[in-house]
Amino acid sequence: MAKLPVVAVINTNPDLVELLKARLETAGFVVLILHIAEIRQGLDLSAVLEAHQPSVVVFDVVMPYDRNYRFLQHLRETSLKGYRFVLTTPNAVALVKIVGRDEKVYEVLDDSADIDAIVQAVREAARARPTS
């Protein structure tokens, strides 16, 4: 039997996390939930990711957008180096001003269509070639 792909969801909103988890599991993924506060407080992210081997990381960038995007960039250079990403945010316009248009950002407003778009982006990222 084939092993189900793992998706790490790194977020701050418990309601959104549960909604994403349910939809991703229905789509055939195992979901690892991580909270940004735990990572900032010293969670050994590298060890957790090594233990679970996610195919994709769904990372929610929230206010203050510049500070949290810099934190993501730091993680991409260290613990999250080589992982494929799906970026979510409650305000795509504000985040795009910081990250530019080269990076796809999914706006999440607790709308079913928003969640469907994220699940589809995760499917596509999981099928893509590794970045490292």
N, C-alpha and C. Protein backbone atom coordinates (compact mmCIF):
# COMPACT_ATOMS: atom_id res chain seq x y z
N MET A 1 0.85 -1.19 0.00
CA MET A 1 0.00 0.00 0.00
C MET A 1 0.89 1.24 0.00
N ALA A 2 0.55 2.20 -0.84
CA ALA A 2 1.34 3.42 -0.96
C ALA A 2 1.16 4.29 0.27
N LYS A 3 2.25 4.93 0.68
CA LYS A 3 2.21 5.84 1.82
C LYS A 3 1.58 7.16 1.39
N LEU A 4 0.66 7.67 2.19
CA LEU A 4 0.02 8.95 1.87
C LEU A 4 1.01 10.09 2.04
N PRO A 5 0.96 11.09 1.14
CA PRO A 5 1.86 12.24 1.28
C PRO A 5 1.48 13.09 2.50
N VAL A 6 2.51 13.66 3.11
CA VAL A 6 2.33 14.50 4.30
C VAL A 6 2.41 15.97 3.90
N VAL A 7 1.52 16.77 4.48
CA VAL A 7 1.53 18.22 4.29
C VAL A 7 1.68 18.85 5.67
N ALA A 8 2.65 19.75 5.81
CA ALA A 8 2.81 20.51 7.06
C ALA A 8 2.04 21.81 6.90
N VAL A 9 1.13 22.06 7.82
CA VAL A 9 0.36 23.31 7.82
C VAL A 9 0.88 24.14 8.98
N ILE A 10 1.49 25.27 8.66
CA ILE A 10 2.05 26.18 9.67
C ILE A 10 1.18 27.42 9.66
N ASN A 11 0.50 27.67 10.80
CA ASN A 11 -0.54 28.68 10.82
C ASN A 11 -0.71 29.23 12.22
N THR A 12 -1.53 30.27 12.35
CA THR A 12 -1.83 30.86 13.65
C THR A 12 -3.32 30.77 14.00
N ASN A 13 -4.15 30.42 13.03
CA ASN A 13 -5.60 30.45 13.20
C ASN A 13 -6.13 29.03 13.41
N PRO A 14 -6.53 28.67 14.64
CA PRO A 14 -6.98 27.30 14.91
C PRO A 14 -8.19 26.87 14.07
N ASP A 15 -9.12 27.77 13.82
CA ASP A 15 -10.29 27.41 13.02
C ASP A 15 -9.89 27.09 11.58
N LEU A 16 -9.02 27.92 11.01
CA LEU A 16 -8.56 27.68 9.65
C LEU A 16 -7.75 26.39 9.59
N VAL A 17 -6.94 26.14 10.60
CA VAL A 17 -6.13 24.92 10.64
C VAL A 17 -7.03 23.69 10.57
N GLU A 18 -8.09 23.68 11.37
CA GLU A 18 -9.00 22.53 11.38
C GLU A 18 -9.71 22.37 10.05
N LEU A 19 -10.11 23.47 9.44
CA LEU A 19 -10.77 23.41 8.14
C LEU A 19 -9.82 22.87 7.06
N LEU A 20 -8.60 23.41 7.04
CA LEU A 20 -7.60 22.93 6.08
C LEU A 20 -7.28 21.45 6.31
N LYS A 21 -7.11 21.09 7.56
CA LYS A 21 -6.79 19.70 7.90
C LYS A 21 -7.87 18.75 7.37
N ALA A 22 -9.12 19.09 7.62
CA ALA A 22 -10.21 18.23 7.17
C ALA A 22 -10.23 18.10 5.65
N ARG A 23 -10.06 19.22 4.95
CA ARG A 23 -10.12 19.18 3.48
C ARG A 23 -8.92 18.47 2.89
N LEU A 24 -7.73 18.69 3.46
CA LEU A 24 -6.54 18.02 2.95
C LEU A 24 -6.59 16.52 3.21
N GLU A 25 -7.10 16.13 4.38
CA GLU A 25 -7.22 14.70 4.66
C GLU A 25 -8.23 14.05 3.70
N THR A 26 -9.31 14.73 3.41
CA THR A 26 -10.28 14.22 2.45
C THR A 26 -9.64 14.07 1.07
N ALA A 27 -8.70 14.94 0.75
CA ALA A 27 -8.00 14.89 -0.54
C ALA A 27 -6.87 13.85 -0.56
N GLY A 28 -6.67 13.15 0.56
CA GLY A 28 -5.69 12.07 0.57
C GLY A 28 -4.33 12.40 1.16
N PHE A 29 -4.25 13.44 1.96
CA PHE A 29 -3.00 13.82 2.59
C PHE A 29 -3.04 13.53 4.10
N VAL A 30 -1.89 13.27 4.65
CA VAL A 30 -1.72 13.25 6.10
C VAL A 30 -1.30 14.67 6.47
N VAL A 31 -1.89 15.25 7.50
CA VAL A 31 -1.64 16.65 7.83
C VAL A 31 -0.92 16.78 9.16
N LEU A 32 0.20 17.45 9.12
CA LEU A 32 0.99 17.79 10.30
C LEU A 32 0.70 19.25 10.62
N ILE A 33 0.19 19.51 11.82
CA ILE A 33 -0.15 20.87 12.23
C ILE A 33 0.97 21.44 13.09
N LEU A 34 1.45 22.61 12.71
CA LEU A 34 2.45 23.33 13.49
C LEU A 34 1.97 24.78 13.65
N HIS A 35 2.21 25.33 14.81
CA HIS A 35 1.80 26.71 15.06
C HIS A 35 3.03 27.60 15.04
N ILE A 36 2.91 28.75 14.41
CA ILE A 36 4.02 29.68 14.26
C ILE A 36 4.60 30.05 15.62
N ALA A 37 3.74 30.22 16.62
CA ALA A 37 4.23 30.57 17.97
C ALA A 37 5.16 29.49 18.52
N GLU A 38 4.86 28.23 18.28
CA GLU A 38 5.72 27.14 18.75
C GLU A 38 7.10 27.21 18.10
N ILE A 39 7.12 27.55 16.84
CA ILE A 39 8.40 27.65 16.12
C ILE A 39 9.20 28.83 16.65
N ARG A 40 8.54 29.96 16.83
CA ARG A 40 9.22 31.14 17.38
C ARG A 40 9.75 30.89 18.79
N GLN A 41 9.06 30.02 19.54
CA GLN A 41 9.47 29.73 20.92
C GLN A 41 10.52 28.63 21.01
N GLY A 42 11.00 28.15 19.86
CA GLY A 42 12.12 27.22 19.90
C GLY A 42 11.84 25.78 19.53
N LEU A 43 10.66 25.47 19.02
CA LEU A 43 10.38 24.12 18.55
C LEU A 43 11.48 23.70 17.58
N ASP A 44 12.00 22.49 17.71
CA ASP A 44 13.02 21.99 16.79
C ASP A 44 12.35 21.60 15.49
N LEU A 45 12.12 22.58 14.65
CA LEU A 45 11.39 22.39 13.41
C LEU A 45 12.08 21.38 12.50
N SER A 46 13.39 21.44 12.42
CA SER A 46 14.12 20.50 11.57
C SER A 46 13.86 19.06 11.99
N ALA A 47 13.87 18.80 13.29
CA ALA A 47 13.63 17.44 13.79
C ALA A 47 12.21 16.98 13.49
N VAL A 48 11.24 17.88 13.68
CA VAL A 48 9.84 17.53 13.42
C VAL A 48 9.66 17.21 11.93
N LEU A 49 10.22 18.04 11.07
CA LEU A 49 10.07 17.81 9.63
C LEU A 49 10.80 16.55 9.20
N GLU A 50 11.96 16.31 9.76
CA GLU A 50 12.70 15.09 9.42
C GLU A 50 11.90 13.84 9.82
N ALA A 51 11.22 13.91 10.95
CA ALA A 51 10.43 12.77 11.42
C ALA A 51 9.20 12.51 10.54
N HIS A 52 8.63 13.57 9.97
CA HIS A 52 7.37 13.42 9.23
C HIS A 52 7.51 13.51 7.71
N GLN A 53 8.60 14.08 7.22
CA GLN A 53 8.90 14.18 5.78
C GLN A 53 7.74 14.73 4.94
N PRO A 54 7.30 15.98 5.22
CA PRO A 54 6.21 16.52 4.40
C PRO A 54 6.64 16.77 2.96
N SER A 55 5.70 16.59 2.05
CA SER A 55 5.93 16.90 0.64
C SER A 55 5.79 18.38 0.36
N VAL A 56 4.91 19.02 1.14
CA VAL A 56 4.57 20.43 0.93
C VAL A 56 4.38 21.10 2.29
N VAL A 57 4.73 22.38 2.35
CA VAL A 57 4.48 23.19 3.54
C VAL A 57 3.49 24.28 3.16
N VAL A 58 2.38 24.33 3.88
CA VAL A 58 1.41 25.42 3.73
C VAL A 58 1.70 26.40 4.87
N PHE A 59 2.14 27.59 4.52
CA PHE A 59 2.57 28.58 5.51
C PHE A 59 1.68 29.80 5.40
N ASP A 60 1.08 30.19 6.52
CA ASP A 60 0.19 31.35 6.55
C ASP A 60 0.97 32.58 7.03
N VAL A 61 1.02 33.60 6.19
CA VAL A 61 1.71 34.84 6.52
C VAL A 61 0.65 35.84 6.96
N VAL A 62 0.74 36.25 8.24
CA VAL A 62 -0.25 37.14 8.83
C VAL A 62 0.42 38.46 9.23
N MET A 63 -0.38 39.40 9.74
CA MET A 63 0.15 40.68 10.19
C MET A 63 1.08 40.50 11.39
N PRO A 64 2.08 41.27 11.51
CA PRO A 64 2.62 42.22 10.54
C PRO A 64 3.30 41.46 9.39
N TYR A 65 2.84 41.72 8.18
CA TYR A 65 3.23 40.93 7.02
C TYR A 65 4.73 40.96 6.75
N ASP A 66 5.35 42.13 6.85
CA ASP A 66 6.79 42.20 6.57
C ASP A 66 7.59 41.36 7.57
N ARG A 67 7.27 41.47 8.83
CA ARG A 67 7.97 40.71 9.87
C ARG A 67 7.77 39.20 9.69
N ASN A 68 6.55 38.78 9.45
CA ASN A 68 6.28 37.36 9.30
C ASN A 68 6.82 36.79 8.00
N TYR A 69 6.86 37.61 6.94
CA TYR A 69 7.47 37.13 5.70
C TYR A 69 8.98 37.00 5.87
N ARG A 70 9.61 37.92 6.60
CA ARG A 70 11.04 37.78 6.89
C ARG A 70 11.31 36.51 7.70
N PHE A 71 10.42 36.20 8.64
CA PHE A 71 10.55 34.97 9.42
C PHE A 71 10.45 33.76 8.49
N LEU A 72 9.50 33.77 7.58
CA LEU A 72 9.40 32.69 6.60
C LEU A 72 10.68 32.57 5.78
N GLN A 73 11.20 33.69 5.32
CA GLN A 73 12.44 33.66 4.53
C GLN A 73 13.58 33.06 5.34
N HIS A 74 13.67 33.41 6.61
CA HIS A 74 14.68 32.82 7.49
C HIS A 74 14.50 31.30 7.55
N LEU A 75 13.26 30.85 7.75
CA LEU A 75 13.00 29.41 7.81
C LEU A 75 13.32 28.72 6.49
N ARG A 76 13.05 29.40 5.38
CA ARG A 76 13.35 28.82 4.06
C ARG A 76 14.86 28.63 3.87
N GLU A 77 15.65 29.46 4.52
CA GLU A 77 17.10 29.35 4.41
C GLU A 77 17.68 28.36 5.42
N THR A 78 16.88 27.94 6.39
CA THR A 78 17.38 27.05 7.45
C THR A 78 16.51 25.79 7.51
N SER A 79 15.60 25.72 8.44
CA SER A 79 14.80 24.51 8.70
C SER A 79 13.95 24.07 7.52
N LEU A 80 13.47 25.00 6.72
CA LEU A 80 12.56 24.66 5.62
C LEU A 80 13.24 24.67 4.26
N LYS A 81 14.55 24.65 4.25
CA LYS A 81 15.29 24.70 2.99
C LYS A 81 14.94 23.48 2.13
N GLY A 82 14.60 23.74 0.88
CA GLY A 82 14.32 22.67 -0.07
C GLY A 82 12.86 22.21 -0.12
N TYR A 83 12.02 22.71 0.76
CA TYR A 83 10.62 22.30 0.74
C TYR A 83 9.82 23.11 -0.27
N ARG A 84 8.75 22.51 -0.76
CA ARG A 84 7.82 23.21 -1.65
C ARG A 84 6.77 23.90 -0.76
N PHE A 85 6.35 25.08 -1.17
CA PHE A 85 5.47 25.91 -0.36
C PHE A 85 4.18 26.27 -1.07
N VAL A 86 3.15 26.42 -0.25
CA VAL A 86 1.91 27.09 -0.65
C VAL A 86 1.73 28.18 0.41
N LEU A 87 1.76 29.44 -0.02
CA LEU A 87 1.61 30.56 0.91
C LEU A 87 0.16 31.00 0.98
N THR A 88 -0.31 31.16 2.21
CA THR A 88 -1.66 31.67 2.43
C THR A 88 -1.58 32.93 3.27
N THR A 89 -2.63 33.72 3.21
CA THR A 89 -2.69 34.96 3.97
C THR A 89 -4.14 35.45 4.03
N PRO A 90 -4.49 36.19 5.06
CA PRO A 90 -5.82 36.80 5.08
C PRO A 90 -5.92 38.04 4.21
N ASN A 91 -4.78 38.55 3.70
CA ASN A 91 -4.80 39.77 2.89
C ASN A 91 -3.74 39.67 1.79
N ALA A 92 -4.13 39.11 0.66
CA ALA A 92 -3.19 38.90 -0.44
C ALA A 92 -2.63 40.21 -0.99
N VAL A 93 -3.44 41.24 -1.05
CA VAL A 93 -2.98 42.53 -1.60
C VAL A 93 -1.81 43.05 -0.76
N ALA A 94 -1.95 43.03 0.55
CA ALA A 94 -0.88 43.53 1.43
C ALA A 94 0.37 42.67 1.31
N LEU A 95 0.21 41.36 1.25
CA LEU A 95 1.39 40.49 1.18
C LEU A 95 2.09 40.58 -0.16
N VAL A 96 1.34 40.69 -1.24
CA VAL A 96 1.96 40.80 -2.58
C VAL A 96 2.81 42.06 -2.67
N LYS A 97 2.42 43.12 -1.98
CA LYS A 97 3.24 44.34 -1.97
C LYS A 97 4.63 44.06 -1.39
N ILE A 98 4.72 43.07 -0.50
CA ILE A 98 6.00 42.73 0.13
C ILE A 98 6.75 41.68 -0.67
N VAL A 99 6.05 40.63 -1.11
CA VAL A 99 6.73 39.50 -1.76
C VAL A 99 6.86 39.66 -3.26
N GLY A 100 6.07 40.57 -3.84
CA GLY A 100 6.08 40.72 -5.29
C GLY A 100 5.15 39.72 -5.95
N ARG A 101 5.02 39.84 -7.23
CA ARG A 101 4.09 38.99 -7.97
C ARG A 101 4.70 37.66 -8.41
N ASP A 102 5.98 37.47 -8.17
CA ASP A 102 6.63 36.21 -8.58
C ASP A 102 6.20 35.04 -7.70
N GLU A 103 5.73 35.33 -6.53
CA GLU A 103 5.33 34.27 -5.61
C GLU A 103 3.81 34.24 -5.51
N LYS A 104 3.23 33.06 -5.77
CA LYS A 104 1.78 32.91 -5.71
C LYS A 104 1.34 32.91 -4.26
N VAL A 105 0.32 33.72 -3.97
CA VAL A 105 -0.22 33.85 -2.62
C VAL A 105 -1.71 33.55 -2.69
N TYR A 106 -2.18 32.70 -1.78
CA TYR A 106 -3.60 32.34 -1.72
C TYR A 106 -4.26 33.06 -0.57
N GLU A 107 -5.27 33.85 -0.89
CA GLU A 107 -6.00 34.56 0.15
C GLU A 107 -7.04 33.63 0.76
N VAL A 108 -7.10 33.61 2.09
CA VAL A 108 -8.03 32.74 2.79
C VAL A 108 -8.94 33.61 3.66
N LEU A 109 -10.20 33.57 3.32
CA LEU A 109 -11.20 34.32 4.09
C LEU A 109 -12.28 33.36 4.60
N ASP A 110 -11.87 32.15 4.96
CA ASP A 110 -12.78 31.11 5.44
C ASP A 110 -13.88 30.79 4.43
N ASP A 111 -13.57 30.94 3.18
CA ASP A 111 -14.50 30.65 2.10
C ASP A 111 -14.15 29.28 1.52
N SER A 112 -15.16 28.52 1.19
CA SER A 112 -14.94 27.17 0.65
C SER A 112 -14.09 27.20 -0.62
N ALA A 113 -14.31 28.19 -1.48
CA ALA A 113 -13.53 28.29 -2.71
C ALA A 113 -12.07 28.57 -2.40
N ASP A 114 -11.79 29.35 -1.37
CA ASP A 114 -10.41 29.62 -0.96
C ASP A 114 -9.72 28.32 -0.55
N ILE A 115 -10.39 27.52 0.24
CA ILE A 115 -9.83 26.26 0.72
C ILE A 115 -9.63 25.31 -0.45
N ASP A 116 -10.58 25.25 -1.37
CA ASP A 116 -10.44 24.39 -2.56
C ASP A 116 -9.20 24.79 -3.37
N ALA A 117 -8.96 26.08 -3.52
CA ALA A 117 -7.79 26.56 -4.27
C ALA A 117 -6.50 26.14 -3.57
N ILE A 118 -6.48 26.19 -2.26
CA ILE A 118 -5.29 25.78 -1.50
C ILE A 118 -5.06 24.28 -1.65
N VAL A 119 -6.12 23.50 -1.54
CA VAL A 119 -5.98 22.04 -1.70
C VAL A 119 -5.44 21.73 -3.10
N GLN A 120 -5.95 22.40 -4.12
CA GLN A 120 -5.45 22.18 -5.48
C GLN A 120 -3.98 22.59 -5.59
N ALA A 121 -3.60 23.70 -4.98
CA ALA A 121 -2.20 24.13 -5.01
C ALA A 121 -1.30 23.11 -4.31
N VAL A 122 -1.78 22.54 -3.22
CA VAL A 122 -1.01 21.50 -2.51
C VAL A 122 -0.85 20.27 -3.40
N ARG A 123 -1.92 19.86 -4.06
CA ARG A 123 -1.83 18.71 -5.00
C ARG A 123 -0.75 18.97 -6.05
N GLU A 124 -0.78 20.15 -6.65
CA GLU A 124 0.19 20.48 -7.68
C GLU A 124 1.60 20.52 -7.12
N ALA A 125 1.78 21.12 -5.96
CA ALA A 125 3.11 21.20 -5.35
C ALA A 125 3.63 19.81 -4.98
N ALA A 126 2.74 18.94 -4.52
CA ALA A 126 3.15 17.59 -4.14
C ALA A 126 3.62 16.79 -5.35
N ARG A 127 3.08 17.10 -6.51
CA ARG A 127 3.48 16.40 -7.75
C ARG A 127 4.74 16.99 -8.38
N ALA A 128 5.11 18.21 -7.98
CA ALA A 128 6.26 18.90 -8.56
C ALA A 128 7.56 18.24 -8.12
N ARG A 129 8.60 18.51 -8.87
CA ARG A 129 9.92 18.00 -8.50
C ARG A 129 10.43 18.73 -7.27
N PRO A 130 11.21 18.05 -6.43
CA PRO A 130 11.80 18.71 -5.26
C PRO A 130 12.64 19.91 -5.68
N THR A 131 12.70 20.91 -4.78
CA THR A 131 13.44 22.15 -5.09
C THR A 131 14.90 22.08 -4.70
N SER A 132 15.32 21.05 -4.02
CA SER A 132 16.75 20.98 -3.63
C SER A 132 17.44 19.82 -4.28
